[in-house]
Amino acid sequence: MPKFLLLVNHDGGEFEQPMDEWAPGDIAAHFDYYAALTEELVESGEMVQFTGLADPRLARIVRSDGATAPVVTDGPFPESKEVLAGFNVVDVDSEARALEIAARISAVPGPGGVPTRQPVEVRRVMDAVAFDL
């Protein structure tokens, strides 16, 4: 079965308001939705990995030439709409199933239970089958 990487974009989708400004109940509903979806995909055997990422303001950029000490900085970073919020690796029967799961991720609730419509990029994990080998 092919594996797909589902990249959840930090773009708030329908909401400009950062999550740390949402009502506590809305935050709980958001994470409860993800927990239920993750449990369902683990039980079906399709979930390989799910990882949410910390706020992009905590990220660091590392540059190295392999010979000298690496340079570690706290930026510059792309605009938040271009920053990765989290990712899933799924092992599914088809690209269509990966797209279906991505659509469910994009529909995670935001303030007031309204789906966020966060962008989710779907990328096949490279393997021999992807190259018809």
C-alpha atoms as a PDB file:
ATOM      1  CA  MET A   1       0.000   0.000   0.000  1.00  0.00           C
ATOM      2  CA  PRO A   2       1.292   3.473  -0.742  1.00  0.00           C
ATOM      3  CA  LYS A   3       2.157   5.868   2.044  1.00  0.00           C
ATOM      4  CA  PHE A   4       1.280   9.549   1.935  1.00  0.00           C
ATOM      5  CA  LEU A   5       2.495  12.525   3.918  1.00  0.00           C
ATOM      6  CA  LEU A   6      -0.323  14.914   4.819  1.00  0.00           C
ATOM      7  CA  LEU A   7       1.175  18.330   5.595  1.00  0.00           C
ATOM      8  CA  VAL A   8      -1.114  20.582   7.618  1.00  0.00           C
ATOM      9  CA  ASN A   9      -0.420  24.236   6.879  1.00  0.00           C
ATOM     10  CA  HIS A  10      -0.229  26.751   9.735  1.00  0.00           C
ATOM     11  CA  ASP A  11      -2.595  29.009   7.775  1.00  0.00           C
ATOM     12  CA  GLY A  12      -5.666  29.396   9.966  1.00  0.00           C
ATOM     13  CA  GLY A  13      -7.963  28.628   7.054  1.00  0.00           C
ATOM     14  CA  GLU A  14     -11.215  30.416   7.805  1.00  0.00           C
ATOM     15  CA  PHE A  15      -9.816  32.113  10.918  1.00  0.00           C
ATOM     16  CA  GLU A  16      -7.252  34.881  11.268  1.00  0.00           C
ATOM     17  CA  GLN A  17      -7.355  34.619  15.081  1.00  0.00           C
ATOM     18  CA  PRO A  18      -4.479  32.488  16.467  1.00  0.00           C
ATOM     19  CA  MET A  19      -5.535  29.420  18.421  1.00  0.00           C
ATOM     20  CA  ASP A  20      -4.155  30.791  21.684  1.00  0.00           C
ATOM     21  CA  GLU A  21      -6.901  33.445  21.463  1.00  0.00           C
ATOM     22  CA  TRP A  22      -9.746  30.925  20.971  1.00  0.00           C
ATOM     23  CA  ALA A  23     -12.166  30.085  23.765  1.00  0.00           C
ATOM     24  CA  PRO A  24     -10.996  27.087  25.837  1.00  0.00           C
ATOM     25  CA  GLY A  25     -13.967  25.001  24.674  1.00  0.00           C
ATOM     26  CA  ASP A  26     -13.113  25.658  21.025  1.00  0.00           C
ATOM     27  CA  ILE A  27      -9.511  24.587  21.595  1.00  0.00           C
ATOM     28  CA  ALA A  28     -10.701  21.418  23.349  1.00  0.00           C
ATOM     29  CA  ALA A  29     -13.128  20.623  20.500  1.00  0.00           C
ATOM     30  CA  HIS A  30     -10.315  21.131  17.968  1.00  0.00           C
ATOM     31  CA  PHE A  31      -7.999  18.681  19.718  1.00  0.00           C
ATOM     32  CA  ASP A  32     -10.819  16.223  20.510  1.00  0.00           C
ATOM     33  CA  TYR A  33     -11.603  16.075  16.785  1.00  0.00           C
ATOM     34  CA  TYR A  34      -7.975  15.268  15.985  1.00  0.00           C
ATOM     35  CA  ALA A  35      -7.848  12.654  18.753  1.00  0.00           C
ATOM     36  CA  ALA A  36     -10.976  10.884  17.461  1.00  0.00           C
ATOM     37  CA  LEU A  37      -9.733  10.932  13.860  1.00  0.00           C
ATOM     38  CA  THR A  38      -6.312   9.651  14.926  1.00  0.00           C
ATOM     39  CA  GLU A  39      -7.890   6.841  16.971  1.00  0.00           C
ATOM     40  CA  GLU A  40     -10.056   5.837  14.011  1.00  0.00           C
ATOM     41  CA  LEU A  41      -7.065   5.747  11.652  1.00  0.00           C
ATOM     42  CA  VAL A  42      -4.913   3.819  14.151  1.00  0.00           C
ATOM     43  CA  GLU A  43      -7.690   1.229  14.561  1.00  0.00           C
ATOM     44  CA  SER A  44      -8.022   0.874  10.763  1.00  0.00           C
ATOM     45  CA  GLY A  45      -4.244   0.397  10.475  1.00  0.00           C
ATOM     46  CA  GLU A  46      -3.885   3.442   8.217  1.00  0.00           C
ATOM     47  CA  MET A  47      -2.128   5.823  10.622  1.00  0.00           C
ATOM     48  CA  VAL A  48       1.639   5.488  10.607  1.00  0.00           C
ATOM     49  CA  GLN A  49       2.438   8.725  12.445  1.00  0.00           C
ATOM     50  CA  PHE A  50       0.684  11.895  13.601  1.00  0.00           C
ATOM     51  CA  THR A  51       2.663  14.848  14.856  1.00  0.00           C
ATOM     52  CA  GLY A  52       1.597  18.370  15.685  1.00  0.00           C
ATOM     53  CA  LEU A  53       4.318  20.976  15.786  1.00  0.00           C
ATOM     54  CA  ALA A  54       4.932  23.731  18.340  1.00  0.00           C
ATOM     55  CA  ASP A  55       4.299  27.354  17.499  1.00  0.00           C
ATOM     56  CA  PRO A  56       6.550  28.431  14.605  1.00  0.00           C
ATOM     57  CA  ARG A  57       7.904  31.266  16.760  1.00  0.00           C
ATOM     58  CA  LEU A  58       9.812  28.548  18.662  1.00  0.00           C
ATOM     59  CA  ALA A  59      11.483  27.158  15.532  1.00  0.00           C
ATOM     60  CA  ARG A  60      15.182  27.518  14.741  1.00  0.00           C
ATOM     61  CA  ILE A  61      17.076  27.585  11.444  1.00  0.00           C
ATOM     62  CA  VAL A  62      20.324  25.598  11.291  1.00  0.00           C
ATOM     63  CA  ARG A  63      22.904  26.130   8.548  1.00  0.00           C
ATOM     64  CA  SER A  64      26.081  24.097   8.323  1.00  0.00           C
ATOM     65  CA  ASP A  65      28.925  23.507   5.908  1.00  0.00           C
ATOM     66  CA  GLY A  66      29.846  20.291   7.722  1.00  0.00           C
ATOM     67  CA  ALA A  67      33.280  21.614   8.687  1.00  0.00           C
ATOM     68  CA  THR A  68      32.696  24.511  11.050  1.00  0.00           C
ATOM     69  CA  ALA A  69      30.263  24.993  13.919  1.00  0.00           C
ATOM     70  CA  PRO A  70      26.681  25.240  12.674  1.00  0.00           C
ATOM     71  CA  VAL A  71      24.949  28.604  12.733  1.00  0.00           C
ATOM     72  CA  VAL A  72      21.634  28.497  14.621  1.00  0.00           C
ATOM     73  CA  THR A  73      19.247  31.431  14.311  1.00  0.00           C
ATOM     74  CA  ASP A  74      15.640  32.175  15.183  1.00  0.00           C
ATOM     75  CA  GLY A  75      14.783  33.363  11.664  1.00  0.00           C
ATOM     76  CA  PRO A  76      14.112  34.647   9.158  1.00  0.00           C
ATOM     77  CA  PHE A  77      11.019  32.534   8.677  1.00  0.00           C
ATOM     78  CA  PRO A  78       8.429  32.445   5.934  1.00  0.00           C
ATOM     79  CA  GLU A  79       5.074  34.069   6.560  1.00  0.00           C
ATOM     80  CA  SER A  80       2.872  31.994   8.865  1.00  0.00           C
ATOM     81  CA  LYS A  81       0.692  30.898   5.966  1.00  0.00           C
ATOM     82  CA  GLU A  82       3.719  28.993   4.663  1.00  0.00           C
ATOM     83  CA  VAL A  83       4.650  27.298   7.948  1.00  0.00           C
ATOM     84  CA  LEU A  84       3.994  23.651   8.745  1.00  0.00           C
ATOM     85  CA  ALA A  85       1.656  23.119  11.730  1.00  0.00           C
ATOM     86  CA  GLY A  86       1.836  19.332  11.797  1.00  0.00           C
ATOM     87  CA  PHE A  87       1.850  16.234   9.678  1.00  0.00           C
ATOM     88  CA  ASN A  88       0.444  12.743   9.346  1.00  0.00           C
ATOM     89  CA  VAL A  89       1.900   9.740   7.576  1.00  0.00           C
ATOM     90  CA  VAL A  90      -0.812   7.356   6.401  1.00  0.00           C
ATOM     91  CA  ASP A  91      -0.536   3.947   4.759  1.00  0.00           C
ATOM     92  CA  VAL A  92      -3.623   3.632   2.570  1.00  0.00           C
ATOM     93  CA  ASP A  93      -4.976   1.712  -0.414  1.00  0.00           C
ATOM     94  CA  SER A  94      -4.987   4.685  -2.770  1.00  0.00           C
ATOM     95  CA  GLU A  95      -4.382   8.368  -3.291  1.00  0.00           C
ATOM     96  CA  ALA A  96      -8.160   8.827  -3.180  1.00  0.00           C
ATOM     97  CA  ARG A  97      -8.196   7.557   0.424  1.00  0.00           C
ATOM     98  CA  ALA A  98      -5.309   9.891   1.350  1.00  0.00           C
ATOM     99  CA  LEU A  99      -7.281  12.802  -0.122  1.00  0.00           C
ATOM    100  CA  GLU A 100     -10.356  11.749   1.866  1.00  0.00           C
ATOM    101  CA  ILE A 101      -8.346  11.757   5.108  1.00  0.00           C
ATOM    102  CA  ALA A 102      -6.797  15.137   4.206  1.00  0.00           C
ATOM    103  CA  ALA A 103     -10.298  16.565   3.716  1.00  0.00           C
ATOM    104  CA  ARG A 104     -11.282  15.378   7.183  1.00  0.00           C
ATOM    105  CA  ILE A 105      -8.174  16.995   8.654  1.00  0.00           C
ATOM    106  CA  SER A 106      -8.998  20.260   6.854  1.00  0.00           C
ATOM    107  CA  ALA A 107     -12.482  20.188   8.390  1.00  0.00           C
ATOM    108  CA  VAL A 108     -11.167  20.265  11.989  1.00  0.00           C
ATOM    109  CA  PRO A 109     -13.381  22.652  13.979  1.00  0.00           C
ATOM    110  CA  GLY A 110     -12.298  26.153  14.909  1.00  0.00           C
ATOM    111  CA  PRO A 111     -14.114  28.849  16.899  1.00  0.00           C
ATOM    112  CA  GLY A 112     -17.816  28.131  17.243  1.00  0.00           C
ATOM    113  CA  GLY A 113     -17.340  24.654  15.746  1.00  0.00           C
ATOM    114  CA  VAL A 114     -16.931  26.068  12.230  1.00  0.00           C
ATOM    115  CA  PRO A 115     -14.567  23.939  10.087  1.00  0.00           C
ATOM    116  CA  THR A 116     -11.181  25.658   9.737  1.00  0.00           C
ATOM    117  CA  ARG A 117     -10.591  24.612   6.132  1.00  0.00           C
ATOM    118  CA  GLN A 118      -6.838  24.589   6.815  1.00  0.00           C
ATOM    119  CA  PRO A 119      -4.853  23.682   3.707  1.00  0.00           C
ATOM    120  CA  VAL A 120      -3.485  20.129   3.765  1.00  0.00           C
ATOM    121  CA  GLU A 121      -0.848  19.177   1.193  1.00  0.00           C
ATOM    122  CA  VAL A 122      -0.877  15.505   0.164  1.00  0.00           C
ATOM    123  CA  ARG A 123       2.440  14.029  -0.959  1.00  0.00           C
ATOM    124  CA  ARG A 124       3.178  10.398  -1.756  1.00  0.00           C
ATOM    125  CA  VAL A 125       6.139   8.970   0.125  1.00  0.00           C
ATOM    126  CA  MET A 126       8.790   7.941  -2.368  1.00  0.00           C
ATOM    127  CA  ASP A 127       9.086   4.209  -2.936  1.00  0.00           C
ATOM    128  CA  ALA A 128       9.932   1.874  -5.798  1.00  0.00           C
ATOM    129  CA  VAL A 129       6.264   1.578  -6.812  1.00  0.00           C
ATOM    130  CA  ALA A 130       6.060   5.370  -7.249  1.00  0.00           C
ATOM    131  CA  PHE A 131       8.653   4.980 -10.007  1.00  0.00           C
ATOM    132  CA  ASP A 132       7.113   1.813 -11.482  1.00  0.00           C
ATOM    133  CA  LEU A 133      10.272  -0.141 -10.570  1.00  0.00           C
END
